[in-house]
């Protein structure tokens, strides 16, 4: 974790130097202003999402999640996780704390890959807010039909890779 943080900070410093060389102090100030604006929005959303996930962990029976979406739930758990991912609310700030809660509750790795792939591919919040009004329901139906099997396939492939290469311990589950 420290190595990743140091690498990210080194990358930020490198980019700041490049921006300063190309656009001077104004460029650095503009980039800093943008980061501050985005950070303010995240400073409100992220703690709320983490609190929602934390409170859910206290009221949702984790044993049920482990049974329904655990490693031994097999194909049924992978398909269910794919569909569950499609109805997770909002963007990554809201969805990833919920996904982390589900993973900590005992979901299997293949099921988690299917859940996140389902969130990415199905994303009902995005379909209702943007895709259908802009592209139309016929396009939505075509996209859903043509990509319906991708999340379960990703989950099955992940489960196969984890099993064949004994990766469970390295993934924390």
N, C-alpha and C. Protein backbone atom coordinates (compact mmCIF):
# COMPACT_ATOMS: atom_id res chain seq x y z
N UNK A 1 0.82 -1.19 0.00
CA UNK A 1 0.00 0.00 0.00
C UNK A 1 0.86 1.25 0.00
N UNK A 2 1.92 1.23 0.79
CA UNK A 2 2.82 2.39 0.83
C UNK A 2 3.51 2.57 -0.51
N UNK A 3 3.94 1.47 -1.11
CA UNK A 3 4.61 1.56 -2.41
C UNK A 3 3.67 2.15 -3.47
N UNK A 4 2.42 1.74 -3.45
CA UNK A 4 1.45 2.28 -4.41
C UNK A 4 1.25 3.78 -4.17
N UNK A 5 1.11 4.17 -2.91
CA UNK A 5 0.92 5.59 -2.59
C UNK A 5 2.13 6.42 -3.02
N UNK A 6 3.32 5.90 -2.74
CA UNK A 6 4.53 6.63 -3.14
C UNK A 6 4.62 6.73 -4.66
N UNK A 7 4.25 5.67 -5.35
CA UNK A 7 4.27 5.68 -6.81
C UNK A 7 3.28 6.71 -7.35
N UNK A 8 2.09 6.75 -6.76
CA UNK A 8 1.08 7.72 -7.20
C UNK A 8 1.57 9.15 -6.96
N UNK A 9 2.18 9.41 -5.79
CA UNK A 9 2.68 10.76 -5.50
C UNK A 9 3.82 11.12 -6.44
N UNK A 10 4.68 10.17 -6.75
CA UNK A 10 5.77 10.43 -7.70
C UNK A 10 5.19 10.78 -9.07
N UNK A 11 4.12 10.07 -9.48
CA UNK A 11 3.46 10.35 -10.76
C UNK A 11 2.84 11.75 -10.74
N UNK A 12 2.20 12.09 -9.63
CA UNK A 12 1.61 13.43 -9.49
C UNK A 12 2.69 14.51 -9.62
N UNK A 13 3.82 14.31 -8.94
CA UNK A 13 4.91 15.29 -9.01
C UNK A 13 5.46 15.41 -10.43
N UNK A 14 5.60 14.28 -11.09
CA UNK A 14 6.08 14.28 -12.47
C UNK A 14 5.13 15.06 -13.38
N UNK A 15 3.83 14.78 -13.24
CA UNK A 15 2.84 15.50 -14.05
C UNK A 15 2.82 16.99 -13.73
N UNK A 16 2.97 17.34 -12.45
CA UNK A 16 3.00 18.75 -12.07
C UNK A 16 4.19 19.45 -12.71
N UNK A 17 5.34 18.79 -12.76
CA UNK A 17 6.51 19.39 -13.40
C UNK A 17 6.29 19.57 -14.90
N UNK A 18 5.66 18.59 -15.54
CA UNK A 18 5.37 18.68 -16.97
C UNK A 18 4.40 19.84 -17.24
N UNK A 19 3.35 19.93 -16.42
CA UNK A 19 2.38 21.02 -16.58
C UNK A 19 3.06 22.36 -16.36
N UNK A 20 3.92 22.45 -15.34
CA UNK A 20 4.61 23.71 -15.06
C UNK A 20 5.50 24.12 -16.23
N UNK A 21 6.19 23.14 -16.82
CA UNK A 21 7.05 23.44 -17.97
C UNK A 21 6.25 23.93 -19.17
N UNK A 22 5.08 23.35 -19.38
CA UNK A 22 4.28 23.67 -20.57
C UNK A 22 3.37 24.89 -20.37
N UNK A 23 2.80 25.03 -19.16
CA UNK A 23 1.78 26.08 -18.95
C UNK A 23 2.09 27.00 -17.78
N UNK A 24 3.23 26.78 -17.12
CA UNK A 24 3.62 27.64 -16.02
C UNK A 24 2.75 27.46 -14.79
N UNK A 25 2.82 28.44 -13.89
CA UNK A 25 2.08 28.39 -12.64
C UNK A 25 0.57 28.40 -12.84
N UNK A 26 0.10 29.06 -13.92
CA UNK A 26 -1.34 29.07 -14.19
C UNK A 26 -1.87 27.66 -14.43
N UNK A 27 -1.11 26.86 -15.16
CA UNK A 27 -1.53 25.49 -15.43
C UNK A 27 -1.58 24.67 -14.16
N UNK A 28 -0.57 24.83 -13.31
CA UNK A 28 -0.55 24.09 -12.05
C UNK A 28 -1.72 24.54 -11.17
N UNK A 29 -1.99 25.85 -11.13
CA UNK A 29 -3.10 26.36 -10.32
C UNK A 29 -4.44 25.85 -10.85
N UNK A 30 -4.59 25.81 -12.18
CA UNK A 30 -5.84 25.32 -12.76
C UNK A 30 -6.04 23.85 -12.42
N UNK A 31 -4.97 23.07 -12.53
CA UNK A 31 -5.08 21.64 -12.19
C UNK A 31 -5.38 21.47 -10.70
N UNK A 32 -4.74 22.25 -9.86
CA UNK A 32 -5.01 22.17 -8.43
C UNK A 32 -6.44 22.58 -8.10
N UNK A 33 -6.95 23.61 -8.79
CA UNK A 33 -8.33 24.02 -8.57
C UNK A 33 -9.33 22.94 -8.96
N UNK A 34 -9.05 22.28 -10.09
CA UNK A 34 -9.92 21.18 -10.52
C UNK A 34 -9.89 20.05 -9.50
N UNK A 35 -8.70 19.71 -9.03
CA UNK A 35 -8.57 18.63 -8.04
C UNK A 35 -9.30 19.00 -6.75
N UNK A 36 -9.19 20.23 -6.33
CA UNK A 36 -9.87 20.68 -5.11
C UNK A 36 -11.39 20.59 -5.27
N UNK A 37 -11.89 21.02 -6.42
CA UNK A 37 -13.34 20.95 -6.69
C UNK A 37 -13.83 19.51 -6.64
N UNK A 38 -13.10 18.61 -7.30
CA UNK A 38 -13.49 17.20 -7.30
C UNK A 38 -13.34 16.60 -5.91
N UNK A 39 -12.29 17.00 -5.21
CA UNK A 39 -12.07 16.49 -3.85
C UNK A 39 -13.18 16.88 -2.89
N UNK A 40 -13.72 18.09 -3.04
CA UNK A 40 -14.84 18.51 -2.19
C UNK A 40 -16.04 17.60 -2.39
N UNK A 41 -16.33 17.28 -3.65
CA UNK A 41 -17.46 16.39 -3.93
C UNK A 41 -17.22 15.01 -3.33
N UNK A 42 -16.01 14.51 -3.47
CA UNK A 42 -15.69 13.18 -2.93
C UNK A 42 -15.68 13.19 -1.41
N UNK A 43 -15.27 14.31 -0.82
CA UNK A 43 -15.21 14.40 0.64
C UNK A 43 -16.59 14.24 1.26
N UNK A 44 -17.63 14.54 0.49
CA UNK A 44 -19.00 14.34 0.98
C UNK A 44 -19.48 12.94 0.64
N UNK A 45 -19.27 12.51 -0.61
CA UNK A 45 -19.83 11.22 -1.06
C UNK A 45 -19.15 10.01 -0.45
N UNK A 46 -17.83 10.00 -0.43
CA UNK A 46 -17.12 8.80 0.01
C UNK A 46 -17.41 8.43 1.46
N UNK A 47 -17.34 9.37 2.42
CA UNK A 47 -17.68 8.97 3.79
C UNK A 47 -19.10 8.45 3.92
N UNK A 48 -20.06 9.06 3.17
CA UNK A 48 -21.44 8.56 3.23
C UNK A 48 -21.53 7.14 2.69
N UNK A 49 -20.87 6.89 1.59
CA UNK A 49 -20.90 5.53 1.02
C UNK A 49 -20.26 4.53 1.97
N UNK A 50 -19.17 4.92 2.61
CA UNK A 50 -18.53 4.02 3.57
C UNK A 50 -19.43 3.78 4.77
N UNK A 51 -20.14 4.82 5.21
CA UNK A 51 -21.07 4.64 6.33
C UNK A 51 -22.22 3.73 5.95
N UNK A 52 -22.76 3.88 4.74
CA UNK A 52 -23.84 2.99 4.28
C UNK A 52 -23.36 1.55 4.30
N UNK A 53 -22.17 1.31 3.75
CA UNK A 53 -21.63 -0.06 3.74
C UNK A 53 -21.40 -0.56 5.16
N UNK A 54 -20.92 0.30 6.03
CA UNK A 54 -20.67 -0.11 7.41
C UNK A 54 -21.96 -0.45 8.13
N UNK A 55 -22.99 0.37 7.95
CA UNK A 55 -24.26 0.08 8.61
C UNK A 55 -24.91 -1.17 8.02
N UNK A 56 -24.78 -1.35 6.71
CA UNK A 56 -25.30 -2.59 6.10
C UNK A 56 -24.63 -3.82 6.69
N UNK A 57 -23.33 -3.70 6.96
CA UNK A 57 -22.62 -4.86 7.52
C UNK A 57 -23.16 -5.23 8.89
N UNK A 58 -23.82 -4.29 9.56
CA UNK A 58 -24.37 -4.57 10.88
C UNK A 58 -25.78 -5.15 10.82
N UNK A 59 -26.51 -4.90 9.74
CA UNK A 59 -27.90 -5.37 9.68
C UNK A 59 -28.13 -6.52 8.69
N UNK A 60 -27.28 -6.63 7.69
CA UNK A 60 -27.45 -7.72 6.72
C UNK A 60 -26.69 -8.94 7.24
N UNK A 61 -27.33 -10.08 7.30
CA UNK A 61 -26.64 -11.27 7.80
C UNK A 61 -25.53 -11.71 6.83
N UNK A 62 -24.30 -11.59 7.27
CA UNK A 62 -23.17 -11.91 6.41
C UNK A 62 -23.12 -13.39 6.05
N UNK A 63 -23.65 -14.23 6.95
CA UNK A 63 -23.65 -15.67 6.65
C UNK A 63 -24.51 -15.96 5.42
N UNK A 64 -25.59 -15.20 5.26
CA UNK A 64 -26.46 -15.40 4.10
C UNK A 64 -25.72 -15.01 2.82
N UNK A 65 -24.95 -13.93 2.88
CA UNK A 65 -24.19 -13.52 1.70
C UNK A 65 -23.15 -14.58 1.36
N UNK A 66 -22.48 -15.10 2.38
CA UNK A 66 -21.48 -16.14 2.13
C UNK A 66 -22.11 -17.37 1.51
N UNK A 67 -23.33 -17.69 1.94
CA UNK A 67 -24.01 -18.86 1.39
C UNK A 67 -24.46 -18.61 -0.05
N UNK A 68 -25.03 -17.44 -0.29
CA UNK A 68 -25.61 -17.14 -1.60
C UNK A 68 -24.55 -16.79 -2.65
N UNK A 69 -23.51 -16.04 -2.22
CA UNK A 69 -22.50 -15.57 -3.17
C UNK A 69 -21.10 -16.09 -2.85
N UNK A 70 -21.00 -17.03 -1.95
CA UNK A 70 -19.69 -17.58 -1.58
C UNK A 70 -19.08 -18.41 -2.70
N UNK A 71 -17.83 -18.77 -2.49
CA UNK A 71 -17.10 -19.54 -3.50
C UNK A 71 -17.84 -20.80 -3.90
N UNK A 72 -18.49 -21.45 -2.94
CA UNK A 72 -19.16 -22.72 -3.21
C UNK A 72 -20.54 -22.54 -3.83
N UNK A 73 -20.98 -21.30 -4.05
CA UNK A 73 -22.29 -21.09 -4.67
C UNK A 73 -22.27 -21.39 -6.16
N UNK A 74 -21.09 -21.52 -6.73
CA UNK A 74 -20.95 -21.95 -8.12
C UNK A 74 -21.59 -21.03 -9.15
N UNK A 75 -22.09 -21.65 -10.20
CA UNK A 75 -22.66 -20.91 -11.32
C UNK A 75 -23.86 -20.07 -10.89
N UNK A 76 -24.71 -20.62 -10.01
CA UNK A 76 -25.88 -19.87 -9.54
C UNK A 76 -25.43 -18.59 -8.84
N UNK A 77 -24.40 -18.67 -8.01
CA UNK A 77 -23.89 -17.49 -7.32
C UNK A 77 -23.27 -16.49 -8.27
N UNK A 78 -22.61 -17.00 -9.28
CA UNK A 78 -22.00 -16.10 -10.28
C UNK A 78 -23.07 -15.37 -11.08
N UNK A 79 -24.11 -16.08 -11.49
CA UNK A 79 -25.20 -15.43 -12.24
C UNK A 79 -25.93 -14.42 -11.34
N UNK A 80 -26.19 -14.81 -10.10
CA UNK A 80 -26.87 -13.90 -9.17
C UNK A 80 -26.00 -12.66 -8.92
N UNK A 81 -24.71 -12.86 -8.73
CA UNK A 81 -23.80 -11.73 -8.51
C UNK A 81 -23.78 -10.80 -9.73
N UNK A 82 -23.84 -11.38 -10.92
CA UNK A 82 -23.87 -10.57 -12.15
C UNK A 82 -25.10 -9.66 -12.16
N UNK A 83 -26.25 -10.23 -11.81
CA UNK A 83 -27.49 -9.44 -11.79
C UNK A 83 -27.48 -8.43 -10.66
N UNK A 84 -26.97 -8.84 -9.50
CA UNK A 84 -26.87 -7.92 -8.36
C UNK A 84 -25.98 -6.73 -8.71
N UNK A 85 -24.89 -6.98 -9.40
CA UNK A 85 -24.00 -5.90 -9.81
C UNK A 85 -24.72 -4.89 -10.69
N UNK A 86 -25.64 -5.35 -11.51
CA UNK A 86 -26.37 -4.46 -12.40
C UNK A 86 -27.30 -3.50 -11.68
N UNK A 87 -27.70 -3.86 -10.46
CA UNK A 87 -28.61 -2.96 -9.73
C UNK A 87 -27.90 -2.22 -8.60
N UNK A 88 -26.59 -2.37 -8.46
CA UNK A 88 -25.88 -1.58 -7.46
C UNK A 88 -26.04 -0.10 -7.82
N UNK A 89 -26.28 0.73 -6.83
CA UNK A 89 -26.57 2.12 -7.15
C UNK A 89 -25.33 2.94 -7.47
N UNK A 90 -25.52 3.89 -8.37
CA UNK A 90 -24.55 4.95 -8.59
C UNK A 90 -23.20 4.57 -9.13
N UNK A 91 -22.29 5.52 -9.03
CA UNK A 91 -20.95 5.38 -9.54
C UNK A 91 -20.05 4.63 -8.57
N UNK A 92 -18.78 4.64 -8.84
CA UNK A 92 -17.84 3.87 -8.03
C UNK A 92 -17.79 4.29 -6.56
N UNK A 93 -18.03 5.55 -6.26
CA UNK A 93 -17.98 6.00 -4.87
C UNK A 93 -19.08 5.37 -4.04
N UNK A 94 -20.21 5.08 -4.65
CA UNK A 94 -21.30 4.43 -3.93
C UNK A 94 -21.21 2.92 -4.03
N UNK A 95 -20.80 2.42 -5.17
CA UNK A 95 -20.85 0.98 -5.41
C UNK A 95 -19.68 0.22 -4.80
N UNK A 96 -18.49 0.77 -4.83
CA UNK A 96 -17.35 -0.01 -4.34
C UNK A 96 -17.36 -0.26 -2.84
N UNK A 97 -17.81 0.70 -2.01
CA UNK A 97 -17.95 0.32 -0.59
C UNK A 97 -18.95 -0.82 -0.39
N UNK A 98 -20.04 -0.83 -1.18
CA UNK A 98 -21.00 -1.93 -1.08
C UNK A 98 -20.36 -3.23 -1.57
N UNK A 99 -19.59 -3.14 -2.65
CA UNK A 99 -18.90 -4.34 -3.16
C UNK A 99 -17.90 -4.85 -2.12
N UNK A 100 -17.20 -3.95 -1.47
CA UNK A 100 -16.25 -4.36 -0.44
C UNK A 100 -16.96 -5.04 0.72
N UNK A 101 -18.12 -4.52 1.10
CA UNK A 101 -18.92 -5.16 2.15
C UNK A 101 -19.31 -6.58 1.73
N UNK A 102 -19.75 -6.75 0.50
CA UNK A 102 -20.16 -8.07 0.01
C UNK A 102 -18.96 -9.02 -0.01
N UNK A 103 -17.81 -8.51 -0.42
CA UNK A 103 -16.61 -9.36 -0.46
C UNK A 103 -16.17 -9.75 0.95
N UNK A 104 -16.19 -8.79 1.86
CA UNK A 104 -15.81 -9.08 3.24
C UNK A 104 -16.80 -10.03 3.90
N UNK A 105 -18.05 -10.03 3.42
CA UNK A 105 -19.05 -10.93 3.99
C UNK A 105 -18.88 -12.37 3.52
N UNK A 106 -17.97 -12.60 2.59
CA UNK A 106 -17.68 -13.97 2.20
C UNK A 106 -17.97 -14.32 0.76
N UNK A 107 -18.21 -13.35 -0.09
CA UNK A 107 -18.43 -13.66 -1.50
C UNK A 107 -17.15 -14.25 -2.10
N UNK A 108 -17.32 -15.15 -3.03
CA UNK A 108 -16.18 -15.76 -3.70
C UNK A 108 -15.56 -14.81 -4.72
N UNK A 109 -14.35 -15.12 -5.11
CA UNK A 109 -13.65 -14.26 -6.05
C UNK A 109 -14.36 -14.23 -7.41
N UNK A 110 -14.76 -15.37 -7.90
CA UNK A 110 -15.48 -15.41 -9.18
C UNK A 110 -16.79 -14.64 -9.10
N UNK A 111 -17.46 -14.75 -7.95
CA UNK A 111 -18.72 -14.03 -7.77
C UNK A 111 -18.46 -12.52 -7.72
N UNK A 112 -17.34 -12.12 -7.09
CA UNK A 112 -17.02 -10.69 -7.03
C UNK A 112 -16.66 -10.13 -8.41
N UNK A 113 -15.94 -10.92 -9.19
CA UNK A 113 -15.63 -10.48 -10.55
C UNK A 113 -16.92 -10.34 -11.35
N UNK A 114 -17.83 -11.30 -11.19
CA UNK A 114 -19.13 -11.23 -11.89
C UNK A 114 -19.93 -10.02 -11.41
N UNK A 115 -19.89 -9.75 -10.11
CA UNK A 115 -20.62 -8.60 -9.56
C UNK A 115 -20.11 -7.30 -10.17
N UNK A 116 -18.79 -7.12 -10.17
CA UNK A 116 -18.23 -5.88 -10.70
C UNK A 116 -18.39 -5.79 -12.22
N UNK A 117 -18.31 -6.93 -12.89
CA UNK A 117 -18.55 -6.92 -14.34
C UNK A 117 -20.02 -6.60 -14.62
N UNK A 118 -20.93 -7.14 -13.81
CA UNK A 118 -22.35 -6.83 -13.95
C UNK A 118 -22.62 -5.36 -13.68
N UNK A 119 -21.93 -4.81 -12.69
CA UNK A 119 -22.08 -3.37 -12.40
C UNK A 119 -21.63 -2.55 -13.61
N UNK A 120 -20.56 -2.97 -14.22
CA UNK A 120 -20.02 -2.23 -15.35
C UNK A 120 -20.87 -2.40 -16.61
N UNK A 121 -21.32 -3.60 -16.86
CA UNK A 121 -22.03 -3.89 -18.12
C UNK A 121 -23.52 -3.54 -18.02
N UNK A 122 -24.18 -3.94 -16.95
CA UNK A 122 -25.63 -3.75 -16.87
C UNK A 122 -26.00 -2.35 -16.36
N UNK A 123 -25.42 -1.91 -15.25
CA UNK A 123 -25.57 -0.56 -14.68
C UNK A 123 -26.95 0.04 -14.92
N UNK A 124 -27.95 -0.46 -14.24
CA UNK A 124 -29.32 0.01 -14.47
C UNK A 124 -29.47 1.50 -14.20
N UNK A 125 -28.72 2.02 -13.24
CA UNK A 125 -28.81 3.46 -12.98
C UNK A 125 -28.39 4.26 -14.21
N UNK A 126 -27.36 3.79 -14.90
CA UNK A 126 -26.87 4.48 -16.11
C UNK A 126 -27.83 4.26 -17.28
N UNK A 127 -28.39 3.07 -17.36
CA UNK A 127 -29.33 2.76 -18.45
C UNK A 127 -30.56 3.66 -18.35
N UNK A 128 -31.10 3.79 -17.14
CA UNK A 128 -32.32 4.58 -16.95
C UNK A 128 -32.06 6.08 -17.09
N UNK A 129 -30.91 6.53 -16.60
CA UNK A 129 -30.65 7.97 -16.60
C UNK A 129 -30.11 8.47 -17.94
N UNK A 130 -29.31 7.67 -18.62
CA UNK A 130 -28.64 8.17 -19.83
C UNK A 130 -28.90 7.33 -21.08
N UNK A 131 -28.63 6.04 -20.97
CA UNK A 131 -28.60 5.23 -22.18
C UNK A 131 -29.95 5.16 -22.89
N UNK A 132 -31.00 4.82 -22.15
CA UNK A 132 -32.31 4.71 -22.79
C UNK A 132 -32.82 6.05 -23.32
N UNK A 133 -32.75 7.14 -22.53
CA UNK A 133 -33.23 8.42 -23.08
C UNK A 133 -32.42 8.89 -24.29
N UNK A 134 -31.13 8.61 -24.31
CA UNK A 134 -30.29 9.11 -25.41
C UNK A 134 -30.30 8.15 -26.60
N UNK A 135 -30.13 6.87 -26.33
CA UNK A 135 -29.96 5.88 -27.40
C UNK A 135 -31.26 5.16 -27.77
N UNK A 136 -32.24 5.16 -26.88
CA UNK A 136 -33.50 4.48 -27.13
C UNK A 136 -33.51 3.06 -26.58
N UNK A 137 -34.72 2.59 -26.31
CA UNK A 137 -34.86 1.26 -25.70
C UNK A 137 -34.47 0.12 -26.64
N UNK A 138 -34.64 0.31 -27.94
CA UNK A 138 -34.24 -0.75 -28.87
C UNK A 138 -32.72 -0.96 -28.79
N UNK A 139 -31.97 0.14 -28.73
CA UNK A 139 -30.53 0.02 -28.59
C UNK A 139 -30.17 -0.63 -27.26
N UNK A 140 -30.86 -0.21 -26.19
CA UNK A 140 -30.60 -0.81 -24.87
C UNK A 140 -30.85 -2.31 -24.92
N UNK A 141 -31.95 -2.71 -25.55
CA UNK A 141 -32.26 -4.14 -25.65
C UNK A 141 -31.18 -4.89 -26.43
N UNK A 142 -30.71 -4.30 -27.52
CA UNK A 142 -29.64 -4.94 -28.31
C UNK A 142 -28.36 -5.05 -27.50
N UNK A 143 -27.98 -3.97 -26.80
CA UNK A 143 -26.75 -4.00 -26.01
C UNK A 143 -26.86 -5.01 -24.88
N UNK A 144 -28.00 -5.04 -24.21
CA UNK A 144 -28.17 -5.99 -23.11
C UNK A 144 -28.14 -7.43 -23.62
N UNK A 145 -28.81 -7.68 -24.76
CA UNK A 145 -28.83 -9.04 -25.30
C UNK A 145 -27.44 -9.48 -25.74
N UNK A 146 -26.69 -8.57 -26.34
CA UNK A 146 -25.36 -8.95 -26.85
C UNK A 146 -24.30 -9.03 -25.75
N UNK A 147 -24.54 -8.39 -24.60
CA UNK A 147 -23.53 -8.43 -23.55
C UNK A 147 -23.99 -9.18 -22.30
N UNK A 148 -25.15 -9.81 -22.37
CA UNK A 148 -25.74 -10.44 -21.20
C UNK A 148 -24.82 -11.50 -20.57
N UNK A 149 -24.12 -12.23 -21.37
CA UNK A 149 -23.32 -13.33 -20.83
C UNK A 149 -21.91 -12.92 -20.40
N UNK A 150 -21.52 -11.67 -20.65
CA UNK A 150 -20.16 -11.25 -20.32
C UNK A 150 -19.86 -11.31 -18.82
N UNK A 151 -20.70 -10.74 -17.94
CA UNK A 151 -20.37 -10.83 -16.51
C UNK A 151 -20.29 -12.26 -15.98
N UNK A 152 -21.26 -13.14 -16.29
CA UNK A 152 -21.09 -14.52 -15.82
C UNK A 152 -19.84 -15.19 -16.39
N UNK A 153 -19.53 -14.92 -17.65
CA UNK A 153 -18.31 -15.51 -18.22
C UNK A 153 -17.06 -14.99 -17.52
N UNK A 154 -17.05 -13.71 -17.19
CA UNK A 154 -15.90 -13.14 -16.46
C UNK A 154 -15.78 -13.80 -15.10
N UNK A 155 -16.90 -14.00 -14.43
CA UNK A 155 -16.88 -14.65 -13.12
C UNK A 155 -16.39 -16.08 -13.20
N UNK A 156 -16.89 -16.83 -14.20
CA UNK A 156 -16.44 -18.21 -14.37
C UNK A 156 -14.95 -18.27 -14.69
N UNK A 157 -14.49 -17.39 -15.55
CA UNK A 157 -13.06 -17.36 -15.90
C UNK A 157 -12.21 -17.01 -14.69
N UNK A 158 -12.67 -16.04 -13.90
CA UNK A 158 -11.93 -15.66 -12.69
C UNK A 158 -11.86 -16.84 -11.72
N UNK A 159 -12.98 -17.52 -11.53
CA UNK A 159 -12.99 -18.67 -10.62
C UNK A 159 -12.04 -19.76 -11.11
N UNK A 160 -12.02 -19.97 -12.42
CA UNK A 160 -11.10 -20.96 -13.00
C UNK A 160 -9.64 -20.56 -12.78
N UNK A 161 -9.32 -19.29 -13.02
CA UNK A 161 -7.95 -18.81 -12.84
C UNK A 161 -7.53 -18.93 -11.38
N UNK A 162 -8.41 -18.53 -10.47
CA UNK A 162 -8.10 -18.62 -9.04
C UNK A 162 -7.84 -20.06 -8.65
N UNK A 163 -8.69 -20.97 -9.13
CA UNK A 163 -8.53 -22.38 -8.78
C UNK A 163 -7.27 -22.98 -9.39
N UNK A 164 -7.03 -22.74 -10.66
CA UNK A 164 -5.90 -23.36 -11.35
C UNK A 164 -4.55 -22.82 -10.88
N UNK A 165 -4.51 -21.56 -10.47
CA UNK A 165 -3.24 -20.96 -10.05
C UNK A 165 -3.17 -20.74 -8.54
N UNK A 166 -4.12 -21.32 -7.80
CA UNK A 166 -4.13 -21.22 -6.33
C UNK A 166 -3.94 -19.78 -5.86
N UNK A 167 -4.78 -18.89 -6.35
CA UNK A 167 -4.64 -17.47 -6.04
C UNK A 167 -5.49 -17.00 -4.86
N UNK A 168 -6.27 -17.88 -4.25
CA UNK A 168 -7.17 -17.44 -3.18
C UNK A 168 -6.44 -16.72 -2.06
N UNK A 169 -5.32 -17.26 -1.62
CA UNK A 169 -4.59 -16.65 -0.50
C UNK A 169 -4.04 -15.28 -0.88
N UNK A 170 -3.62 -15.11 -2.12
CA UNK A 170 -3.04 -13.83 -2.51
C UNK A 170 -4.09 -12.76 -2.72
N UNK A 171 -5.36 -13.16 -2.91
CA UNK A 171 -6.43 -12.19 -3.09
C UNK A 171 -7.11 -11.83 -1.78
N UNK A 172 -6.67 -12.44 -0.69
CA UNK A 172 -7.26 -12.12 0.60
C UNK A 172 -8.50 -12.93 0.93
N UNK A 173 -8.86 -13.87 0.07
CA UNK A 173 -10.03 -14.72 0.34
C UNK A 173 -9.70 -16.16 0.03
